[in-house]
Amino acid sequence: MGTPAIPCDVLLFCSVLFHDAVPAGKAIDALKDIYGETVYESGPMPFGFTSYYEGELGSPLYRILMAFSDPVPRDSLPASKLKSNAIEETFTVRGKRSVNLDPGILSLENICLATTKPYSHRIYLGSGIWGEVTLMYQKDSYRALPWTYPDYASPGMIEIFNSLRDQYKEKSRCRGV
């Protein structure tokens, strides 16, 4: 019989998808007010992996990826998604969001995203939020899975996450994978 144990805290990150830099900057400030300093914040990266968000957010789209300095408990992912949804709501104009915020967690073994949409490969976490293992750490790198979004499967994003994992591992007491 296994013994239940509380896992190590993880690195919280958030993807900020936007067309207009002004509300994006305000949303980033709101995230920092909640979660504190960042250990990483990319510059705006062109986002051309899908046109899904263009009708709501505009075009062209950009992404800023940010990771927060203070580790968080793994079970805080649903609350993080609910907070990001509340921030999105403050930047909604005529029923359309100005920013799309997607929080996730980085652990030594995987990258998990929070979502409000159920699907066969997602696990219900509570409070209307589902979790998806998006990348799995294997053979010295995060690796895409059959359902991984193309942007998260891109070499550039995997390189960023591998670098963040190295920083997290150096500061963390977690050992493993």
N, C-alpha and C. Protein backbone atom coordinates (compact mmCIF):
# COMPACT_ATOMS: atom_id res chain seq x y z
N MET A 1 0.85 -1.18 0.00
CA MET A 1 0.00 0.00 0.00
C MET A 1 0.89 1.24 0.00
N GLY A 2 0.57 2.17 -0.87
CA GLY A 2 1.30 3.42 -0.93
C GLY A 2 0.90 4.35 0.21
N THR A 3 1.79 5.25 0.56
CA THR A 3 1.53 6.24 1.59
C THR A 3 1.28 7.59 0.94
N PRO A 4 0.11 8.18 1.17
CA PRO A 4 -0.16 9.49 0.60
C PRO A 4 0.87 10.52 1.08
N ALA A 5 1.29 11.37 0.18
CA ALA A 5 2.25 12.42 0.52
C ALA A 5 1.91 13.68 -0.25
N ILE A 6 2.15 14.80 0.36
CA ILE A 6 1.93 16.08 -0.31
C ILE A 6 3.13 16.33 -1.22
N PRO A 7 2.87 16.55 -2.53
CA PRO A 7 4.00 16.77 -3.45
C PRO A 7 4.62 18.15 -3.27
N CYS A 8 5.79 18.30 -3.84
CA CYS A 8 6.49 19.59 -3.81
C CYS A 8 5.67 20.66 -4.52
N ASP A 9 5.88 21.90 -4.07
CA ASP A 9 5.28 23.02 -4.77
C ASP A 9 5.88 23.12 -6.18
N VAL A 10 5.19 23.83 -7.03
CA VAL A 10 5.55 23.91 -8.45
C VAL A 10 5.69 25.37 -8.88
N LEU A 11 6.17 25.55 -10.08
CA LEU A 11 6.35 26.88 -10.65
C LEU A 11 5.08 27.27 -11.40
N LEU A 12 4.45 28.35 -11.00
CA LEU A 12 3.26 28.87 -11.68
C LEU A 12 3.70 29.75 -12.83
N PHE A 13 3.07 29.55 -13.98
CA PHE A 13 3.32 30.42 -15.13
C PHE A 13 2.00 30.84 -15.73
N CYS A 14 2.04 31.84 -16.58
CA CYS A 14 0.83 32.28 -17.26
C CYS A 14 1.18 32.75 -18.66
N SER A 15 0.38 32.33 -19.62
CA SER A 15 0.48 32.80 -20.99
C SER A 15 -0.50 33.96 -21.14
N VAL A 16 -0.03 35.06 -21.68
CA VAL A 16 -0.86 36.25 -21.91
C VAL A 16 -0.95 36.44 -23.42
N LEU A 17 -2.12 36.17 -23.97
CA LEU A 17 -2.35 36.30 -25.41
C LEU A 17 -3.11 37.60 -25.65
N PHE A 18 -2.65 38.40 -26.62
CA PHE A 18 -3.25 39.72 -26.81
C PHE A 18 -2.97 40.28 -28.20
N HIS A 19 -3.74 41.30 -28.54
CA HIS A 19 -3.49 42.11 -29.72
C HIS A 19 -3.05 43.52 -29.29
N ASP A 20 -3.75 44.06 -28.31
CA ASP A 20 -3.50 45.41 -27.82
C ASP A 20 -2.61 45.34 -26.58
N ALA A 21 -1.45 45.99 -26.66
CA ALA A 21 -0.48 45.92 -25.57
C ALA A 21 -0.94 46.63 -24.29
N VAL A 22 -1.84 47.61 -24.40
CA VAL A 22 -2.25 48.36 -23.21
C VAL A 22 -3.01 47.48 -22.22
N PRO A 23 -4.11 46.81 -22.62
CA PRO A 23 -4.76 45.93 -21.65
C PRO A 23 -3.87 44.75 -21.24
N ALA A 24 -3.02 44.28 -22.14
CA ALA A 24 -2.11 43.19 -21.79
C ALA A 24 -1.18 43.62 -20.66
N GLY A 25 -0.63 44.83 -20.76
CA GLY A 25 0.24 45.34 -19.70
C GLY A 25 -0.48 45.47 -18.38
N LYS A 26 -1.73 45.90 -18.42
CA LYS A 26 -2.51 46.03 -17.19
C LYS A 26 -2.84 44.65 -16.61
N ALA A 27 -3.12 43.68 -17.47
CA ALA A 27 -3.39 42.32 -17.00
C ALA A 27 -2.13 41.72 -16.37
N ILE A 28 -0.98 41.97 -16.97
CA ILE A 28 0.29 41.49 -16.41
C ILE A 28 0.53 42.11 -15.04
N ASP A 29 0.26 43.41 -14.91
CA ASP A 29 0.40 44.07 -13.61
C ASP A 29 -0.54 43.44 -12.58
N ALA A 30 -1.76 43.12 -12.99
CA ALA A 30 -2.72 42.50 -12.08
C ALA A 30 -2.23 41.12 -11.63
N LEU A 31 -1.66 40.36 -12.56
CA LEU A 31 -1.09 39.05 -12.20
C LEU A 31 0.06 39.20 -11.21
N LYS A 32 0.91 40.19 -11.43
CA LYS A 32 2.03 40.43 -10.52
C LYS A 32 1.55 40.88 -9.14
N ASP A 33 0.45 41.64 -9.11
CA ASP A 33 -0.12 42.05 -7.82
C ASP A 33 -0.56 40.84 -7.02
N ILE A 34 -1.05 39.81 -7.70
CA ILE A 34 -1.53 38.60 -7.02
C ILE A 34 -0.38 37.66 -6.69
N TYR A 35 0.51 37.40 -7.65
CA TYR A 35 1.51 36.34 -7.53
C TYR A 35 2.93 36.82 -7.24
N GLY A 36 3.16 38.11 -7.31
CA GLY A 36 4.48 38.63 -6.97
C GLY A 36 5.44 38.68 -8.14
N GLU A 37 6.71 38.73 -7.81
CA GLU A 37 7.78 38.88 -8.81
C GLU A 37 7.79 37.71 -9.79
N THR A 38 8.35 38.00 -10.95
CA THR A 38 8.52 36.95 -11.95
C THR A 38 9.98 36.51 -11.98
N VAL A 39 10.16 35.25 -12.31
CA VAL A 39 11.49 34.71 -12.52
C VAL A 39 11.79 34.73 -14.03
N TYR A 40 10.72 34.89 -14.81
CA TYR A 40 10.87 34.94 -16.26
C TYR A 40 9.70 35.71 -16.85
N GLU A 41 10.00 36.54 -17.83
CA GLU A 41 8.96 37.23 -18.59
C GLU A 41 9.49 37.46 -19.99
N SER A 42 8.86 36.80 -20.96
CA SER A 42 9.31 36.94 -22.34
C SER A 42 8.90 38.30 -22.88
N GLY A 43 9.50 38.67 -23.98
CA GLY A 43 8.98 39.79 -24.74
C GLY A 43 7.78 39.30 -25.54
N PRO A 44 7.09 40.20 -26.21
CA PRO A 44 5.96 39.76 -27.04
C PRO A 44 6.45 38.85 -28.17
N MET A 45 5.85 37.66 -28.25
CA MET A 45 6.19 36.69 -29.29
C MET A 45 5.02 36.61 -30.26
N PRO A 46 5.26 36.73 -31.57
CA PRO A 46 4.16 36.58 -32.52
C PRO A 46 3.44 35.25 -32.33
N PHE A 47 2.11 35.28 -32.38
CA PHE A 47 1.30 34.09 -32.18
C PHE A 47 0.51 33.83 -33.47
N GLY A 48 0.95 32.85 -34.25
CA GLY A 48 0.29 32.54 -35.50
C GLY A 48 -0.11 31.08 -35.61
N PHE A 49 -0.26 30.40 -34.48
CA PHE A 49 -0.52 28.97 -34.50
C PHE A 49 -1.97 28.64 -34.82
N THR A 50 -2.88 29.57 -34.57
CA THR A 50 -4.29 29.38 -34.85
C THR A 50 -4.94 30.74 -35.00
N SER A 51 -6.03 30.80 -35.74
CA SER A 51 -6.79 32.04 -35.86
C SER A 51 -7.98 32.04 -34.90
N TYR A 52 -8.06 31.04 -34.04
CA TYR A 52 -9.19 30.84 -33.13
C TYR A 52 -9.52 32.10 -32.32
N TYR A 53 -8.51 32.82 -31.84
CA TYR A 53 -8.73 33.95 -30.94
C TYR A 53 -8.88 35.29 -31.65
N GLU A 54 -8.60 35.34 -32.95
CA GLU A 54 -8.56 36.62 -33.65
C GLU A 54 -9.89 37.36 -33.66
N GLY A 55 -11.01 36.63 -33.80
CA GLY A 55 -12.31 37.28 -33.81
C GLY A 55 -12.62 38.02 -32.53
N GLU A 56 -12.10 37.50 -31.43
CA GLU A 56 -12.35 38.12 -30.13
C GLU A 56 -11.26 39.12 -29.75
N LEU A 57 -10.01 38.75 -29.93
CA LEU A 57 -8.90 39.58 -29.46
C LEU A 57 -8.36 40.55 -30.50
N GLY A 58 -8.57 40.26 -31.77
CA GLY A 58 -8.01 41.07 -32.85
C GLY A 58 -6.82 40.38 -33.49
N SER A 59 -6.17 41.09 -34.39
CA SER A 59 -5.05 40.53 -35.12
C SER A 59 -4.09 41.66 -35.49
N PRO A 60 -2.79 41.41 -35.49
CA PRO A 60 -2.09 40.18 -35.17
C PRO A 60 -2.07 39.94 -33.66
N LEU A 61 -1.81 38.69 -33.30
CA LEU A 61 -1.76 38.31 -31.90
C LEU A 61 -0.32 38.10 -31.44
N TYR A 62 -0.13 38.34 -30.14
CA TYR A 62 1.17 38.15 -29.52
C TYR A 62 0.98 37.40 -28.20
N ARG A 63 2.04 36.77 -27.75
CA ARG A 63 2.03 36.09 -26.46
C ARG A 63 3.21 36.58 -25.64
N ILE A 64 2.94 36.80 -24.36
CA ILE A 64 3.99 36.98 -23.36
C ILE A 64 3.85 35.81 -22.40
N LEU A 65 4.93 35.13 -22.14
CA LEU A 65 4.93 34.04 -21.18
C LEU A 65 5.66 34.52 -19.94
N MET A 66 5.03 34.36 -18.80
CA MET A 66 5.64 34.79 -17.55
C MET A 66 5.58 33.66 -16.54
N ALA A 67 6.62 33.56 -15.72
CA ALA A 67 6.67 32.56 -14.65
C ALA A 67 6.98 33.30 -13.35
N PHE A 68 6.32 32.90 -12.28
CA PHE A 68 6.41 33.61 -11.02
C PHE A 68 7.46 32.99 -10.10
N SER A 69 8.10 33.83 -9.32
CA SER A 69 9.22 33.42 -8.47
C SER A 69 8.82 32.46 -7.36
N ASP A 70 7.69 32.72 -6.72
CA ASP A 70 7.29 31.93 -5.56
C ASP A 70 6.58 30.65 -5.99
N PRO A 71 7.12 29.49 -5.60
CA PRO A 71 6.43 28.23 -5.90
C PRO A 71 5.04 28.19 -5.25
N VAL A 72 4.14 27.44 -5.87
CA VAL A 72 2.77 27.32 -5.39
C VAL A 72 2.41 25.84 -5.22
N PRO A 73 1.45 25.53 -4.36
CA PRO A 73 0.98 24.15 -4.26
C PRO A 73 0.34 23.71 -5.58
N ARG A 74 0.50 22.46 -5.91
CA ARG A 74 -0.08 21.94 -7.16
C ARG A 74 -1.59 22.10 -7.21
N ASP A 75 -2.22 21.97 -6.06
CA ASP A 75 -3.69 22.04 -6.06
C ASP A 75 -4.21 23.48 -6.11
N SER A 76 -3.33 24.46 -6.32
CA SER A 76 -3.76 25.84 -6.47
C SER A 76 -4.10 26.18 -7.93
N LEU A 77 -3.92 25.24 -8.84
CA LEU A 77 -4.18 25.52 -10.26
C LEU A 77 -5.62 25.96 -10.53
N PRO A 78 -6.65 25.30 -9.97
CA PRO A 78 -8.01 25.79 -10.22
C PRO A 78 -8.21 27.24 -9.75
N ALA A 79 -7.71 27.58 -8.58
CA ALA A 79 -7.86 28.95 -8.08
C ALA A 79 -7.13 29.94 -9.00
N SER A 80 -5.98 29.54 -9.53
CA SER A 80 -5.24 30.40 -10.45
C SER A 80 -6.04 30.67 -11.71
N LYS A 81 -6.71 29.64 -12.22
CA LYS A 81 -7.53 29.81 -13.43
C LYS A 81 -8.73 30.72 -13.15
N LEU A 82 -9.35 30.55 -12.00
CA LEU A 82 -10.48 31.40 -11.64
C LEU A 82 -10.04 32.86 -11.49
N LYS A 83 -8.87 33.09 -10.91
CA LYS A 83 -8.35 34.46 -10.78
C LYS A 83 -8.02 35.04 -12.15
N SER A 84 -7.43 34.23 -13.03
CA SER A 84 -7.10 34.75 -14.36
C SER A 84 -8.38 35.06 -15.15
N ASN A 85 -9.41 34.24 -14.97
CA ASN A 85 -10.69 34.53 -15.62
C ASN A 85 -11.27 35.86 -15.12
N ALA A 86 -11.14 36.12 -13.83
CA ALA A 86 -11.64 37.37 -13.27
C ALA A 86 -10.86 38.56 -13.84
N ILE A 87 -9.56 38.42 -14.02
CA ILE A 87 -8.77 39.49 -14.63
C ILE A 87 -9.21 39.70 -16.07
N GLU A 88 -9.38 38.61 -16.82
CA GLU A 88 -9.86 38.72 -18.21
C GLU A 88 -11.17 39.51 -18.26
N GLU A 89 -12.05 39.21 -17.32
CA GLU A 89 -13.37 39.85 -17.29
C GLU A 89 -13.25 41.37 -17.14
N THR A 90 -12.26 41.84 -16.39
CA THR A 90 -12.09 43.29 -16.21
C THR A 90 -11.63 43.96 -17.50
N PHE A 91 -11.10 43.18 -18.42
CA PHE A 91 -10.64 43.73 -19.70
C PHE A 91 -11.52 43.26 -20.86
N THR A 92 -12.79 43.07 -20.57
CA THR A 92 -13.77 42.68 -21.58
C THR A 92 -14.51 43.93 -22.03
N VAL A 93 -14.59 44.10 -23.35
CA VAL A 93 -15.28 45.25 -23.93
C VAL A 93 -16.34 44.73 -24.89
N ARG A 94 -17.59 45.11 -24.65
CA ARG A 94 -18.72 44.67 -25.48
C ARG A 94 -18.73 43.15 -25.67
N GLY A 95 -18.49 42.45 -24.57
CA GLY A 95 -18.55 40.99 -24.59
C GLY A 95 -17.33 40.29 -25.16
N LYS A 96 -16.31 41.04 -25.51
CA LYS A 96 -15.09 40.44 -26.06
C LYS A 96 -13.90 40.72 -25.16
N ARG A 97 -13.13 39.67 -24.90
CA ARG A 97 -11.93 39.85 -24.08
C ARG A 97 -10.86 40.61 -24.86
N SER A 98 -10.06 41.36 -24.12
CA SER A 98 -8.89 42.03 -24.70
C SER A 98 -7.63 41.20 -24.51
N VAL A 99 -7.68 40.29 -23.53
CA VAL A 99 -6.55 39.41 -23.24
C VAL A 99 -7.09 38.01 -22.94
N ASN A 100 -6.28 37.02 -23.25
CA ASN A 100 -6.58 35.64 -22.89
C ASN A 100 -5.45 35.19 -21.97
N LEU A 101 -5.81 34.80 -20.75
CA LEU A 101 -4.81 34.39 -19.76
C LEU A 101 -4.95 32.90 -19.51
N ASP A 102 -3.86 32.19 -19.69
CA ASP A 102 -3.86 30.74 -19.47
C ASP A 102 -2.77 30.37 -18.47
N PRO A 103 -3.16 30.14 -17.20
CA PRO A 103 -2.18 29.72 -16.22
C PRO A 103 -1.87 28.24 -16.33
N GLY A 104 -0.69 27.90 -15.87
CA GLY A 104 -0.27 26.51 -15.84
C GLY A 104 0.77 26.32 -14.76
N ILE A 105 1.14 25.07 -14.54
CA ILE A 105 2.17 24.76 -13.56
C ILE A 105 3.25 23.91 -14.19
N LEU A 106 4.47 24.17 -13.77
CA LEU A 106 5.64 23.44 -14.23
C LEU A 106 6.16 22.64 -13.05
N SER A 107 6.31 21.34 -13.26
CA SER A 107 6.94 20.46 -12.27
C SER A 107 8.11 19.76 -12.95
N LEU A 108 8.86 19.02 -12.18
CA LEU A 108 9.98 18.29 -12.77
C LEU A 108 9.49 17.27 -13.80
N GLU A 109 8.26 16.76 -13.62
CA GLU A 109 7.77 15.71 -14.51
C GLU A 109 6.88 16.17 -15.66
N ASN A 110 6.25 17.36 -15.54
CA ASN A 110 5.35 17.77 -16.62
C ASN A 110 4.98 19.24 -16.55
N ILE A 111 4.28 19.66 -17.59
CA ILE A 111 3.65 20.97 -17.67
C ILE A 111 2.15 20.72 -17.74
N CYS A 112 1.40 21.35 -16.84
CA CYS A 112 -0.07 21.19 -16.82
C CYS A 112 -0.72 22.55 -17.04
N LEU A 113 -1.74 22.57 -17.87
CA LEU A 113 -2.53 23.77 -18.10
C LEU A 113 -3.89 23.62 -17.44
N ALA A 114 -4.47 24.75 -17.06
CA ALA A 114 -5.83 24.77 -16.53
C ALA A 114 -6.77 25.19 -17.65
N THR A 115 -7.96 24.61 -17.66
CA THR A 115 -8.95 24.95 -18.67
C THR A 115 -10.35 24.79 -18.10
N THR A 116 -11.30 25.42 -18.74
CA THR A 116 -12.71 25.27 -18.34
C THR A 116 -13.42 24.27 -19.24
N LYS A 117 -12.68 23.67 -20.16
CA LYS A 117 -13.30 22.76 -21.13
C LYS A 117 -12.91 21.30 -20.86
N PRO A 118 -13.91 20.44 -20.64
CA PRO A 118 -13.60 19.02 -20.45
C PRO A 118 -13.24 18.35 -21.78
N TYR A 119 -12.46 17.32 -21.69
CA TYR A 119 -12.13 16.50 -22.86
C TYR A 119 -11.59 15.18 -22.34
N SER A 120 -11.46 14.20 -23.21
CA SER A 120 -11.11 12.85 -22.79
C SER A 120 -9.77 12.75 -22.06
N HIS A 121 -8.84 13.62 -22.35
CA HIS A 121 -7.51 13.56 -21.75
C HIS A 121 -7.33 14.56 -20.61
N ARG A 122 -8.42 15.15 -20.15
CA ARG A 122 -8.36 16.14 -19.07
C ARG A 122 -9.01 15.58 -17.81
N ILE A 123 -8.48 16.02 -16.67
CA ILE A 123 -8.97 15.55 -15.38
C ILE A 123 -9.64 16.71 -14.66
N TYR A 124 -10.82 16.45 -14.12
CA TYR A 124 -11.52 17.48 -13.37
C TYR A 124 -10.80 17.75 -12.05
N LEU A 125 -10.51 19.04 -11.80
CA LEU A 125 -9.78 19.43 -10.59
C LEU A 125 -10.67 20.05 -9.52
N GLY A 126 -11.85 20.50 -9.91
CA GLY A 126 -12.76 21.16 -8.98
C GLY A 126 -13.05 22.59 -9.42
N SER A 127 -14.13 23.14 -8.89
CA SER A 127 -14.52 24.54 -9.15
C SER A 127 -14.72 24.84 -10.64
N GLY A 128 -15.11 23.83 -11.41
CA GLY A 128 -15.34 24.03 -12.84
C GLY A 128 -14.07 24.06 -13.68
N ILE A 129 -12.96 23.63 -13.12
CA ILE A 129 -11.67 23.69 -13.80
C ILE A 129 -11.12 22.28 -14.04
N TRP A 130 -10.58 22.09 -15.22
CA TRP A 130 -9.97 20.83 -15.64
C TRP A 130 -8.47 21.04 -15.78
N GLY A 131 -7.71 19.99 -15.63
CA GLY A 131 -6.27 20.04 -15.81
C GLY A 131 -5.85 19.16 -16.96
N GLU A 132 -4.86 19.63 -17.71
CA GLU A 132 -4.35 18.88 -18.86
C GLU A 132 -2.84 18.79 -18.77
N VAL A 133 -2.31 17.57 -18.77
CA VAL A 133 -0.87 17.40 -18.92
C VAL A 133 -0.57 17.73 -20.39
N THR A 134 0.15 18.81 -20.60
CA THR A 134 0.42 19.32 -21.94
C THR A 134 1.78 18.89 -22.46
N LEU A 135 2.77 18.86 -21.59
CA LEU A 135 4.11 18.39 -21.93
C LEU A 135 4.56 17.43 -20.84
N MET A 136 5.31 16.41 -21.23
CA MET A 136 5.83 15.42 -20.29
C MET A 136 7.35 15.46 -20.36
N TYR A 137 8.01 15.41 -19.21
CA TYR A 137 9.47 15.44 -19.19
C TYR A 137 9.99 14.02 -19.37
N GLN A 138 10.80 13.83 -20.40
CA GLN A 138 11.32 12.51 -20.72
C GLN A 138 12.61 12.68 -21.52
N LYS A 139 13.63 11.94 -21.17
CA LYS A 139 14.91 11.95 -21.90
C LYS A 139 15.48 13.37 -22.02
N ASP A 140 15.59 14.05 -20.88
CA ASP A 140 16.24 15.35 -20.79
C ASP A 140 15.52 16.52 -21.45
N SER A 141 14.21 16.39 -21.70
CA SER A 141 13.45 17.50 -22.27
C SER A 141 11.96 17.27 -22.07
N TYR A 142 11.22 18.37 -22.08
CA TYR A 142 9.78 18.24 -22.15
C TYR A 142 9.43 17.77 -23.55
N ARG A 143 8.41 16.93 -23.64
CA ARG A 143 7.98 16.35 -24.92
C ARG A 143 6.47 16.55 -25.09
N ALA A 144 6.09 16.78 -26.32
CA ALA A 144 4.67 16.95 -26.65
C ALA A 144 3.95 15.61 -26.58
N LEU A 145 2.66 15.69 -26.36
CA LEU A 145 1.77 14.55 -26.35
C LEU A 145 0.82 14.68 -27.54
N PRO A 146 0.08 13.65 -27.89
CA PRO A 146 -0.78 13.74 -29.08
C PRO A 146 -1.73 14.93 -29.07
N TRP A 147 -2.16 15.40 -27.90
CA TRP A 147 -3.13 16.50 -27.81
C TRP A 147 -2.49 17.85 -27.53
N THR A 148 -1.18 17.91 -27.41
CA THR A 148 -0.50 19.17 -27.09
C THR A 148 -0.78 20.21 -28.17
N TYR A 149 -1.16 21.42 -27.72
CA TYR A 149 -1.38 22.51 -28.67
C TYR A 149 -0.08 22.77 -29.43
N PRO A 150 -0.17 23.08 -30.73
CA PRO A 150 1.05 23.29 -31.54
C PRO A 150 2.00 24.34 -30.98
N ASP A 151 1.45 25.40 -30.39
CA ASP A 151 2.34 26.43 -29.84
C ASP A 151 3.15 25.91 -28.66
N TYR A 152 2.53 25.10 -27.81
CA TYR A 152 3.25 24.53 -26.68
C TYR A 152 4.23 23.43 -27.12
N ALA A 153 3.96 22.83 -28.27
CA ALA A 153 4.85 21.79 -28.80
C ALA A 153 6.01 22.38 -29.60
N SER A 154 6.00 23.69 -29.83
CA SER A 154 7.03 24.31 -30.65
C SER A 154 8.39 24.26 -29.94
N PRO A 155 9.47 24.15 -30.72
CA PRO A 155 10.81 24.10 -30.12
C PRO A 155 11.11 25.30 -29.22
N GLY A 156 10.64 26.48 -29.61
CA GLY A 156 10.89 27.68 -28.80
C GLY A 156 10.26 27.61 -27.42
N MET A 157 9.01 27.15 -27.36
CA MET A 157 8.34 27.04 -26.06
C MET A 157 8.98 25.94 -25.22
N ILE A 158 9.30 24.83 -25.84
CA ILE A 158 9.94 23.74 -25.08
C ILE A 158 11.29 24.19 -24.54
N GLU A 159 12.02 24.98 -25.32
CA GLU A 159 13.30 25.52 -24.85
C GLU A 159 13.10 26.41 -23.62
N ILE A 160 12.08 27.27 -23.66
CA ILE A 160 11.78 28.13 -22.52
C ILE A 160 11.44 27.28 -21.30
N PHE A 161 10.57 26.30 -21.47
CA PHE A 161 10.17 25.46 -20.33
C PHE A 161 11.34 24.63 -19.79
N ASN A 162 12.20 24.15 -20.67
CA ASN A 162 13.38 23.42 -20.20
C ASN A 162 14.28 24.32 -19.35
N SER A 163 14.44 25.57 -19.77
CA SER A 163 15.25 26.52 -19.01
C SER A 163 14.59 26.83 -17.67
N LEU A 164 13.27 27.02 -17.68
CA LEU A 164 12.57 27.27 -16.43
C LEU A 164 12.67 26.07 -15.49
N ARG A 165 12.61 24.87 -16.07
CA ARG A 165 12.74 23.66 -15.26
C ARG A 165 14.10 23.61 -14.58
N ASP A 166 15.15 23.97 -15.31
CA ASP A 166 16.49 23.99 -14.73
C ASP A 166 16.56 24.95 -13.54
N GLN A 167 15.98 26.15 -13.70
CA GLN A 167 15.96 27.12 -12.61
C GLN A 167 15.15 26.60 -11.43
N TYR A 168 14.00 26.03 -11.72
CA TYR A 168 13.13 25.49 -10.68
C TYR A 168 13.83 24.36 -9.92
N LYS A 169 14.47 23.47 -10.65
CA LYS A 169 15.15 22.33 -10.03
C LYS A 169 16.28 22.79 -9.13
N GLU A 170 17.00 23.82 -9.56
CA GLU A 170 18.11 24.35 -8.77
C GLU A 170 17.63 24.94 -7.44
N LYS A 171 16.48 25.60 -7.45
CA LYS A 171 15.96 26.25 -6.25
C LYS A 171 15.08 25.33 -5.39
N SER A 172 14.57 24.28 -6.00
CA SER A 172 13.60 23.42 -5.33
C SER A 172 14.28 22.33 -4.52
N ARG A 173 13.56 21.87 -3.51
CA ARG A 173 14.02 20.74 -2.76
C ARG A 173 13.54 19.43 -3.41
N CYS A 174 12.74 19.57 -4.45
CA CYS A 174 12.23 18.37 -5.14
C CYS A 174 13.35 17.71 -5.91
N ARG A 175 13.35 16.44 -5.89
CA ARG A 175 14.29 15.66 -6.68
C ARG A 175 13.48 14.57 -7.35
N GLY A 176 13.90 14.14 -8.45
CA GLY A 176 13.15 13.11 -9.14
C GLY A 176 13.48 13.10 -10.60
N VAL A 177 12.47 13.01 -11.40
CA VAL A 177 12.55 12.85 -12.84
C VAL A 177 13.77 13.51 -13.44
